[in-house]
Amino acid sequence: MTDAGKTTLAVALKRALKLQGLPVVHFDGEELRALMDNYDFTEAGRRRNITTVQALATKLHAEGVVVVTSFVSPYRQLRKILEAGAQPVEVR
């Protein structure tokens, strides 16, 4: 499997935002899986991973932090839930 560039783009964006003086945090899918010890790639496992990062991102955003994420999010329904509560910018 080759690198799709999600993390590379996210790290560059985080760096650019920090240079502008913005508080910013980056959540990466692989890092979050390691922190949560969730290596379940079934639909349920993926949903658990995505809903966790959505909750973290929503909380941090409410506190004034810019949140950059780099995840595979294969379920449109989960993306719609996030869109209802935030103003995400999705890069494809």
PDB file of N, CA and C in Angstrom:
ATOM      1  N   MET A   1       0.845  -1.172   0.000  1.00  0.00           N
ATOM      2  CA  MET A   1       0.000   0.000   0.000  1.00  0.00           C
ATOM      3  C   MET A   1       0.893   1.239   0.000  1.00  0.00           C
ATOM      4  N   THR A   2       0.583   2.204  -0.828  1.00  0.00           N
ATOM      5  CA  THR A   2       1.380   3.416  -0.907  1.00  0.00           C
ATOM      6  C   THR A   2       0.752   4.531  -0.093  1.00  0.00           C
ATOM      7  N   ASP A   3       1.577   5.486   0.253  1.00  0.00           N
ATOM      8  CA  ASP A   3       1.113   6.639   1.018  1.00  0.00           C
ATOM      9  C   ASP A   3       0.282   7.537   0.118  1.00  0.00           C
ATOM     10  N   ALA A   4      -0.912   7.882   0.566  1.00  0.00           N
ATOM     11  CA  ALA A   4      -1.809   8.737  -0.222  1.00  0.00           C
ATOM     12  C   ALA A   4      -1.525  10.213  -0.010  1.00  0.00           C
ATOM     13  N   GLY A   5      -0.725  10.557   0.994  1.00  0.00           N
ATOM     14  CA  GLY A   5      -0.363  11.945   1.230  1.00  0.00           C
ATOM     15  C   GLY A   5      -1.208  12.671   2.258  1.00  0.00           C
ATOM     16  N   LYS A   6      -2.132  11.964   2.915  1.00  0.00           N
ATOM     17  CA  LYS A   6      -3.015  12.615   3.899  1.00  0.00           C
ATOM     18  C   LYS A   6      -2.211  13.252   5.025  1.00  0.00           C
ATOM     19  N   THR A   7      -1.326  12.492   5.615  1.00  0.00           N
ATOM     20  CA  THR A   7      -0.544  12.995   6.739  1.00  0.00           C
ATOM     21  C   THR A   7       0.419  14.086   6.291  1.00  0.00           C
ATOM     22  N   THR A   8       1.037  13.911   5.157  1.00  0.00           N
ATOM     23  CA  THR A   8       1.966  14.910   4.636  1.00  0.00           C
ATOM     24  C   THR A   8       1.271  16.257   4.460  1.00  0.00           C
ATOM     25  N   LEU A   9       0.091  16.245   3.865  1.00  0.00           N
ATOM     26  CA  LEU A   9      -0.674  17.487   3.685  1.00  0.00           C
ATOM     27  C   LEU A   9      -1.104  18.073   5.024  1.00  0.00           C
ATOM     28  N   ALA A  10      -1.547  17.220   5.922  1.00  0.00           N
ATOM     29  CA  ALA A  10      -2.012  17.692   7.228  1.00  0.00           C
ATOM     30  C   ALA A  10      -0.877  18.345   8.020  1.00  0.00           C
ATOM     31  N   VAL A  11       0.307  17.747   7.987  1.00  0.00           N
ATOM     32  CA  VAL A  11       1.454  18.299   8.704  1.00  0.00           C
ATOM     33  C   VAL A  11       1.839  19.658   8.112  1.00  0.00           C
ATOM     34  N   ALA A  12       1.826  19.776   6.791  1.00  0.00           N
ATOM     35  CA  ALA A  12       2.142  21.052   6.142  1.00  0.00           C
ATOM     36  C   ALA A  12       1.106  22.115   6.496  1.00  0.00           C
ATOM     37  N   LEU A  13      -0.172  21.731   6.521  1.00  0.00           N
ATOM     38  CA  LEU A  13      -1.229  22.672   6.884  1.00  0.00           C
ATOM     39  C   LEU A  13      -1.073  23.113   8.335  1.00  0.00           C
ATOM     40  N   LYS A  14      -0.797  22.180   9.221  1.00  0.00           N
ATOM     41  CA  LYS A  14      -0.604  22.517  10.630  1.00  0.00           C
ATOM     42  C   LYS A  14       0.538  23.516  10.780  1.00  0.00           C
ATOM     43  N   ARG A  15       1.629  23.261  10.091  1.00  0.00           N
ATOM     44  CA  ARG A  15       2.784  24.152  10.165  1.00  0.00           C
ATOM     45  C   ARG A  15       2.415  25.555   9.689  1.00  0.00           C
ATOM     46  N   ALA A  16       1.695  25.655   8.577  1.00  0.00           N
ATOM     47  CA  ALA A  16       1.294  26.950   8.030  1.00  0.00           C
ATOM     48  C   ALA A  16       0.363  27.696   8.985  1.00  0.00           C
ATOM     49  N   LEU A  17      -0.559  26.990   9.589  1.00  0.00           N
ATOM     50  CA  LEU A  17      -1.486  27.615  10.534  1.00  0.00           C
ATOM     51  C   LEU A  17      -0.762  28.100  11.790  1.00  0.00           C
ATOM     52  N   LYS A  18       0.194  27.295  12.261  1.00  0.00           N
ATOM     53  CA  LYS A  18       0.968  27.699  13.438  1.00  0.00           C
ATOM     54  C   LYS A  18       1.780  28.957  13.139  1.00  0.00           C
ATOM     55  N   LEU A  19       2.323  29.063  11.932  1.00  0.00           N
ATOM     56  CA  LEU A  19       3.083  30.250  11.549  1.00  0.00           C
ATOM     57  C   LEU A  19       2.210  31.500  11.559  1.00  0.00           C
ATOM     58  N   GLN A  20       0.909  31.319  11.391  1.00  0.00           N
ATOM     59  CA  GLN A  20      -0.034  32.436  11.453  1.00  0.00           C
ATOM     60  C   GLN A  20      -0.450  32.736  12.898  1.00  0.00           C
ATOM     61  N   GLY A  21       0.086  31.972  13.832  1.00  0.00           N
ATOM     62  CA  GLY A  21      -0.202  32.198  15.244  1.00  0.00           C
ATOM     63  C   GLY A  21      -1.470  31.540  15.748  1.00  0.00           C
ATOM     64  N   LEU A  22      -2.016  30.628  14.963  1.00  0.00           N
ATOM     65  CA  LEU A  22      -3.258  29.962  15.365  1.00  0.00           C
ATOM     66  C   LEU A  22      -2.967  28.744  16.241  1.00  0.00           C
ATOM     67  N   PRO A  23      -3.828  28.503  17.233  1.00  0.00           N
ATOM     68  CA  PRO A  23      -3.680  27.265  17.999  1.00  0.00           C
ATOM     69  C   PRO A  23      -4.196  26.111  17.136  1.00  0.00           C
ATOM     70  N   VAL A  24      -3.386  25.115  16.935  1.00  0.00           N
ATOM     71  CA  VAL A  24      -3.763  24.031  16.026  1.00  0.00           C
ATOM     72  C   VAL A  24      -3.267  22.698  16.557  1.00  0.00           C
ATOM     73  N   VAL A  25      -4.069  21.669  16.336  1.00  0.00           N
ATOM     74  CA  VAL A  25      -3.701  20.305  16.692  1.00  0.00           C
ATOM     75  C   VAL A  25      -3.994  19.419  15.486  1.00  0.00           C
ATOM     76  N   HIS A  26      -3.201  18.374  15.324  1.00  0.00           N
ATOM     77  CA  HIS A  26      -3.375  17.430  14.215  1.00  0.00           C
ATOM     78  C   HIS A  26      -3.646  16.046  14.786  1.00  0.00           C
ATOM     79  N   PHE A  27      -4.716  15.433  14.314  1.00  0.00           N
ATOM     80  CA  PHE A  27      -5.020  14.045  14.644  1.00  0.00           C
ATOM     81  C   PHE A  27      -4.816  13.206  13.398  1.00  0.00           C
ATOM     82  N   ASP A  28      -3.991  12.188  13.519  1.00  0.00           N
ATOM     83  CA  ASP A  28      -3.723  11.269  12.414  1.00  0.00           C
ATOM     84  C   ASP A  28      -4.382   9.924  12.719  1.00  0.00           C
ATOM     85  N   GLY A  29      -4.944   9.310  11.703  1.00  0.00           N
ATOM     86  CA  GLY A  29      -5.659   8.052  11.883  1.00  0.00           C
ATOM     87  C   GLY A  29      -4.822   6.961  12.522  1.00  0.00           C
ATOM     88  N   GLU A  30      -3.606   6.782  12.041  1.00  0.00           N
ATOM     89  CA  GLU A  30      -2.753   5.722  12.582  1.00  0.00           C
ATOM     90  C   GLU A  30      -2.349   6.017  14.025  1.00  0.00           C
ATOM     91  N   GLU A  31      -2.056   7.276  14.322  1.00  0.00           N
ATOM     92  CA  GLU A  31      -1.683   7.633  15.689  1.00  0.00           C
ATOM     93  C   GLU A  31      -2.857   7.428  16.647  1.00  0.00           C
ATOM     94  N   LEU A  32      -4.056   7.816  16.215  1.00  0.00           N
ATOM     95  CA  LEU A  32      -5.227   7.637  17.071  1.00  0.00           C
ATOM     96  C   LEU A  32      -5.508   6.160  17.302  1.00  0.00           C
ATOM     97  N   ARG A  33      -5.371   5.353  16.266  1.00  0.00           N
ATOM     98  CA  ARG A  33      -5.571   3.905  16.432  1.00  0.00           C
ATOM     99  C   ARG A  33      -4.609   3.350  17.483  1.00  0.00           C
ATOM    100  N   ALA A  34      -3.361   3.808  17.434  1.00  0.00           N
ATOM    101  CA  ALA A  34      -2.371   3.338  18.415  1.00  0.00           C
ATOM    102  C   ALA A  34      -2.740   3.797  19.821  1.00  0.00           C
ATOM    103  N   LEU A  35      -3.154   5.054  19.968  1.00  0.00           N
ATOM    104  CA  LEU A  35      -3.530   5.566  21.285  1.00  0.00           C
ATOM    105  C   LEU A  35      -4.728   4.832  21.865  1.00  0.00           C
ATOM    106  N   MET A  36      -5.684   4.502  20.992  1.00  0.00           N
ATOM    107  CA  MET A  36      -6.910   3.839  21.438  1.00  0.00           C
ATOM    108  C   MET A  36      -6.780   2.317  21.444  1.00  0.00           C
ATOM    109  N   ASP A  37      -5.648   1.826  20.944  1.00  0.00           N
ATOM    110  CA  ASP A  37      -5.447   0.388  20.781  1.00  0.00           C
ATOM    111  C   ASP A  37      -6.604  -0.222  19.984  1.00  0.00           C
ATOM    112  N   ASN A  38      -6.969   0.477  18.907  1.00  0.00           N
ATOM    113  CA  ASN A  38      -8.079   0.049  18.062  1.00  0.00           C
ATOM    114  C   ASN A  38      -7.553  -0.266  16.666  1.00  0.00           C
ATOM    115  N   TYR A  39      -7.220  -1.509  16.440  1.00  0.00           N
ATOM    116  CA  TYR A  39      -6.748  -1.941  15.129  1.00  0.00           C
ATOM    117  C   TYR A  39      -7.806  -2.775  14.420  1.00  0.00           C
ATOM    118  N   ASP A  40      -9.040  -2.485  14.757  1.00  0.00           N
ATOM    119  CA  ASP A  40     -10.185  -3.175  14.181  1.00  0.00           C
ATOM    120  C   ASP A  40     -10.600  -2.428  12.908  1.00  0.00           C
ATOM    121  N   PHE A  41     -10.371  -3.033  11.757  1.00  0.00           N
ATOM    122  CA  PHE A  41     -10.687  -2.385  10.493  1.00  0.00           C
ATOM    123  C   PHE A  41     -12.041  -2.823   9.925  1.00  0.00           C
ATOM    124  N   THR A  42     -12.864  -3.446  10.794  1.00  0.00           N
ATOM    125  CA  THR A  42     -14.221  -3.740  10.375  1.00  0.00           C
ATOM    126  C   THR A  42     -14.991  -2.420  10.338  1.00  0.00           C
ATOM    127  N   GLU A  43     -16.214  -2.452   9.847  1.00  0.00           N
ATOM    128  CA  GLU A  43     -17.016  -1.232   9.821  1.00  0.00           C
ATOM    129  C   GLU A  43     -17.192  -0.674  11.230  1.00  0.00           C
ATOM    130  N   ALA A  44     -17.453  -1.538  12.197  1.00  0.00           N
ATOM    131  CA  ALA A  44     -17.644  -1.079  13.580  1.00  0.00           C
ATOM    132  C   ALA A  44     -16.377  -0.430  14.125  1.00  0.00           C
ATOM    133  N   GLY A  45     -15.236  -1.018  13.858  1.00  0.00           N
ATOM    134  CA  GLY A  45     -13.971  -0.462  14.326  1.00  0.00           C
ATOM    135  C   GLY A  45     -13.663   0.873  13.682  1.00  0.00           C
ATOM    136  N   ARG A  46     -13.912   0.977  12.388  1.00  0.00           N
ATOM    137  CA  ARG A  46     -13.689   2.245  11.683  1.00  0.00           C
ATOM    138  C   ARG A  46     -14.629   3.323  12.210  1.00  0.00           C
ATOM    139  N   ARG A  47     -15.882   2.955  12.432  1.00  0.00           N
ATOM    140  CA  ARG A  47     -16.848   3.924  12.969  1.00  0.00           C
ATOM    141  C   ARG A  47     -16.417   4.415  14.352  1.00  0.00           C
ATOM    142  N   ARG A  48     -15.947   3.505  15.186  1.00  0.00           N
ATOM    143  CA  ARG A  48     -15.503   3.880  16.530  1.00  0.00           C
ATOM    144  C   ARG A  48     -14.328   4.867  16.439  1.00  0.00           C
ATOM    145  N   ASN A  49     -13.402   4.612  15.549  1.00  0.00           N
ATOM    146  CA  ASN A  49     -12.248   5.490  15.371  1.00  0.00           C
ATOM    147  C   ASN A  49     -12.679   6.883  14.895  1.00  0.00           C
ATOM    148  N   ILE A  50     -13.544   6.921  13.898  1.00  0.00           N
ATOM    149  CA  ILE A  50     -13.983   8.203  13.326  1.00  0.00           C
ATOM    150  C   ILE A  50     -14.843   8.978  14.315  1.00  0.00           C
ATOM    151  N   THR A  51     -15.766   8.314  15.000  1.00  0.00           N
ATOM    152  CA  THR A  51     -16.612   9.052  15.949  1.00  0.00           C
ATOM    153  C   THR A  51     -15.785   9.586  17.127  1.00  0.00           C
ATOM    154  N   THR A  52     -14.742   8.875  17.508  1.00  0.00           N
ATOM    155  CA  THR A  52     -13.864   9.369  18.572  1.00  0.00           C
ATOM    156  C   THR A  52     -13.156  10.642  18.137  1.00  0.00           C
ATOM    157  N   VAL A  53     -12.589  10.642  16.949  1.00  0.00           N
ATOM    158  CA  VAL A  53     -11.882  11.844  16.494  1.00  0.00           C
ATOM    159  C   VAL A  53     -12.863  12.986  16.258  1.00  0.00           C
ATOM    160  N   GLN A  54     -14.068  12.684  15.821  1.00  0.00           N
ATOM    161  CA  GLN A  54     -15.071  13.737  15.654  1.00  0.00           C
ATOM    162  C   GLN A  54     -15.392  14.386  16.999  1.00  0.00           C
ATOM    163  N   ALA A  55     -15.534  13.591  18.036  1.00  0.00           N
ATOM    164  CA  ALA A  55     -15.840  14.136  19.355  1.00  0.00           C
ATOM    165  C   ALA A  55     -14.682  14.991  19.867  1.00  0.00           C
ATOM    166  N   LEU A  56     -13.468  14.507  19.708  1.00  0.00           N
ATOM    167  CA  LEU A  56     -12.298  15.280  20.123  1.00  0.00           C
ATOM    168  C   LEU A  56     -12.183  16.583  19.337  1.00  0.00           C
ATOM    169  N   ALA A  57     -12.365  16.501  18.032  1.00  0.00           N
ATOM    170  CA  ALA A  57     -12.256  17.688  17.180  1.00  0.00           C
ATOM    171  C   ALA A  57     -13.336  18.712  17.506  1.00  0.00           C
ATOM    172  N   THR A  58     -14.537  18.245  17.739  1.00  0.00           N
ATOM    173  CA  THR A  58     -15.645  19.151  18.065  1.00  0.00           C
ATOM    174  C   THR A  58     -15.371  19.882  19.373  1.00  0.00           C
ATOM    175  N   LYS A  59     -14.890  19.164  20.366  1.00  0.00           N
ATOM    176  CA  LYS A  59     -14.573  19.774  21.664  1.00  0.00           C
ATOM    177  C   LYS A  59     -13.457  20.806  21.521  1.00  0.00           C
ATOM    178  N   LEU A  60     -12.387  20.443  20.849  1.00  0.00           N
ATOM    179  CA  LEU A  60     -11.269  21.373  20.685  1.00  0.00           C
ATOM    180  C   LEU A  60     -11.669  22.593  19.862  1.00  0.00           C
ATOM    181  N   HIS A  61     -12.454  22.364  18.824  1.00  0.00           N
ATOM    182  CA  HIS A  61     -12.927  23.479  17.993  1.00  0.00           C
ATOM    183  C   HIS A  61     -13.763  24.450  18.822  1.00  0.00           C
ATOM    184  N   ALA A  62     -14.591  23.925  19.699  1.00  0.00           N
ATOM    185  CA  ALA A  62     -15.413  24.768  20.574  1.00  0.00           C
ATOM    186  C   ALA A  62     -14.545  25.595  21.520  1.00  0.00           C
ATOM    187  N   GLU A  63     -13.342  25.118  21.791  1.00  0.00           N
ATOM    188  CA  GLU A  63     -12.401  25.829  22.665  1.00  0.00           C
ATOM    189  C   GLU A  63     -11.494  26.779  21.874  1.00  0.00           C
ATOM    190  N   GLY A  64     -11.743  26.902  20.559  1.00  0.00           N
ATOM    191  CA  GLY A  64     -10.980  27.836  19.747  1.00  0.00           C
ATOM    192  C   GLY A  64      -9.739  27.270  19.084  1.00  0.00           C
ATOM    193  N   VAL A  65      -9.602  25.970  19.076  1.00  0.00           N
ATOM    194  CA  VAL A  65      -8.446  25.325  18.465  1.00  0.00           C
ATOM    195  C   VAL A  65      -8.808  24.896  17.040  1.00  0.00           C
ATOM    196  N   VAL A  66      -7.903  25.159  16.101  1.00  0.00           N
ATOM    197  CA  VAL A  66      -8.081  24.658  14.741  1.00  0.00           C
ATOM    198  C   VAL A  66      -7.657  23.196  14.751  1.00  0.00           C
ATOM    199  N   VAL A  67      -8.504  22.333  14.226  1.00  0.00           N
ATOM    200  CA  VAL A  67      -8.225  20.898  14.237  1.00  0.00           C
ATOM    201  C   VAL A  67      -8.020  20.416  12.804  1.00  0.00           C
ATOM    202  N   VAL A  68      -6.867  19.799  12.584  1.00  0.00           N
ATOM    203  CA  VAL A  68      -6.538  19.204  11.293  1.00  0.00           C
ATOM    204  C   VAL A  68      -6.529  17.700  11.499  1.00  0.00           C
ATOM    205  N   THR A  69      -7.226  16.977  10.650  1.00  0.00           N
ATOM    206  CA  THR A  69      -7.242  15.522  10.771  1.00  0.00           C
ATOM    207  C   THR A  69      -6.793  14.887   9.462  1.00  0.00           C
ATOM    208  N   SER A  70      -6.199  13.723   9.572  1.00  0.00           N
ATOM    209  CA  SER A  70      -5.840  12.951   8.382  1.00  0.00           C
ATOM    210  C   SER A  70      -6.295  11.515   8.613  1.00  0.00           C
ATOM    211  N   PHE A  71      -7.468  11.233   8.039  1.00  0.00           N
ATOM    212  CA  PHE A  71      -8.136   9.948   8.228  1.00  0.00           C
ATOM    213  C   PHE A  71      -8.726   9.466   6.918  1.00  0.00           C
ATOM    214  N   VAL A  72      -8.873   8.171   6.816  1.00  0.00           N
ATOM    215  CA  VAL A  72      -9.730   7.598   5.801  1.00  0.00           C
ATOM    216  C   VAL A  72     -11.110   7.564   6.440  1.00  0.00           C
ATOM    217  N   SER A  73     -12.069   8.193   5.795  1.00  0.00           N
ATOM    218  CA  SER A  73     -13.428   8.235   6.329  1.00  0.00           C
ATOM    219  C   SER A  73     -14.385   7.731   5.254  1.00  0.00           C
ATOM    220  N   PRO A  74     -14.554   6.418   5.179  1.00  0.00           N
ATOM    221  CA  PRO A  74     -15.300   5.840   4.066  1.00  0.00           C
ATOM    222  C   PRO A  74     -16.824   5.942   4.169  1.00  0.00           C
ATOM    223  N   TYR A  75     -17.327   6.449   5.277  1.00  0.00           N
ATOM    224  CA  TYR A  75     -18.772   6.442   5.459  1.00  0.00           C
ATOM    225  C   TYR A  75     -19.341   7.854   5.392  1.00  0.00           C
ATOM    226  N   ARG A  76     -20.048   8.152   4.333  1.00  0.00           N
ATOM    227  CA  ARG A  76     -20.631   9.466   4.088  1.00  0.00           C
ATOM    228  C   ARG A  76     -21.516   9.888   5.263  1.00  0.00           C
ATOM    229  N   GLN A  77     -22.232   8.954   5.850  1.00  0.00           N
ATOM    230  CA  GLN A  77     -23.125   9.262   6.980  1.00  0.00           C
ATOM    231  C   GLN A  77     -22.338   9.906   8.127  1.00  0.00           C
ATOM    232  N   LEU A  78     -21.155   9.380   8.434  1.00  0.00           N
ATOM    233  CA  LEU A  78     -20.350   9.955   9.511  1.00  0.00           C
ATOM    234  C   LEU A  78     -19.841  11.343   9.140  1.00  0.00           C
ATOM    235  N   ARG A  79     -19.490  11.545   7.886  1.00  0.00           N
ATOM    236  CA  ARG A  79     -19.041  12.871   7.455  1.00  0.00           C
ATOM    237  C   ARG A  79     -20.181  13.875   7.557  1.00  0.00           C
ATOM    238  N   LYS A  80     -21.401  13.452   7.244  1.00  0.00           N
ATOM    239  CA  LYS A  80     -22.560  14.344   7.337  1.00  0.00           C
ATOM    240  C   LYS A  80     -22.825  14.759   8.785  1.00  0.00           C
ATOM    241  N   ILE A  81     -22.623  13.852   9.721  1.00  0.00           N
ATOM    242  CA  ILE A  81     -22.796  14.183  11.136  1.00  0.00           C
ATOM    243  C   ILE A  81     -21.813  15.268  11.541  1.00  0.00           C
ATOM    244  N   LEU A  82     -20.576  15.135  11.128  1.00  0.00           N
ATOM    245  CA  LEU A  82     -19.581  16.151  11.444  1.00  0.00           C
ATOM    246  C   LEU A  82     -19.940  17.480  10.794  1.00  0.00           C
ATOM    247  N   GLU A  83     -20.363  17.444   9.548  1.00  0.00           N
ATOM    248  CA  GLU A  83     -20.711  18.661   8.827  1.00  0.00           C
ATOM    249  C   GLU A  83     -21.854  19.413   9.504  1.00  0.00           C
ATOM    250  N   ALA A  84     -22.730  18.691  10.189  1.00  0.00           N
ATOM    251  CA  ALA A  84     -23.867  19.331  10.855  1.00  0.00           C
ATOM    252  C   ALA A  84     -23.422  20.154  12.055  1.00  0.00           C
ATOM    253  N   GLY A  85     -22.294  19.797  12.662  1.00  0.00           N
ATOM    254  CA  GLY A  85     -21.869  20.482  13.862  1.00  0.00           C
ATOM    255  C   GLY A  85     -20.615  21.322  13.715  1.00  0.00           C
ATOM    256  N   ALA A  86     -20.030  21.344  12.530  1.00  0.00           N
ATOM    257  CA  ALA A  86     -18.787  22.089  12.321  1.00  0.00           C
ATOM    258  C   ALA A  86     -18.752  22.582  10.877  1.00  0.00           C
ATOM    259  N   GLN A  87     -17.655  23.185  10.533  1.00  0.00           N
ATOM    260  CA  GLN A  87     -17.464  23.663   9.157  1.00  0.00           C
ATOM    261  C   GLN A  87     -16.190  23.019   8.611  1.00  0.00           C
ATOM    262  N   PRO A  88     -16.224  21.716   8.393  1.00  0.00           N
ATOM    263  CA  PRO A  88     -15.004  21.055   7.934  1.00  0.00           C
ATOM    264  C   PRO A  88     -14.692  21.373   6.478  1.00  0.00           C
ATOM    265  N   VAL A  89     -13.416  21.270   6.170  1.00  0.00           N
ATOM    266  CA  VAL A  89     -12.970  21.369   4.790  1.00  0.00           C
ATOM    267  C   VAL A  89     -12.404  19.991   4.458  1.00  0.00           C
ATOM    268  N   GLU A  90     -13.017  19.341   3.506  1.00  0.00           N
ATOM    269  CA  GLU A  90     -12.616  17.984   3.142  1.00  0.00           C
ATOM    270  C   GLU A  90     -11.699  18.038   1.933  1.00  0.00           C
ATOM    271  N   VAL A  91     -10.551  17.391   2.046  1.00  0.00           N
ATOM    272  CA  VAL A  91      -9.605  17.303   0.940  1.00  0.00           C
ATOM    273  C   VAL A  91      -9.653  15.892   0.398  1.00  0.00           C
ATOM    274  N   ARG A  92      -9.838  15.787  -0.901  1.00  0.00           N
ATOM    275  CA  ARG A  92      -9.889  14.447  -1.517  1.00  0.00           C
ATOM    276  C   ARG A  92      -8.752  14.263  -2.482  1.00  0.00           C
TER     277      ARG A  92
END
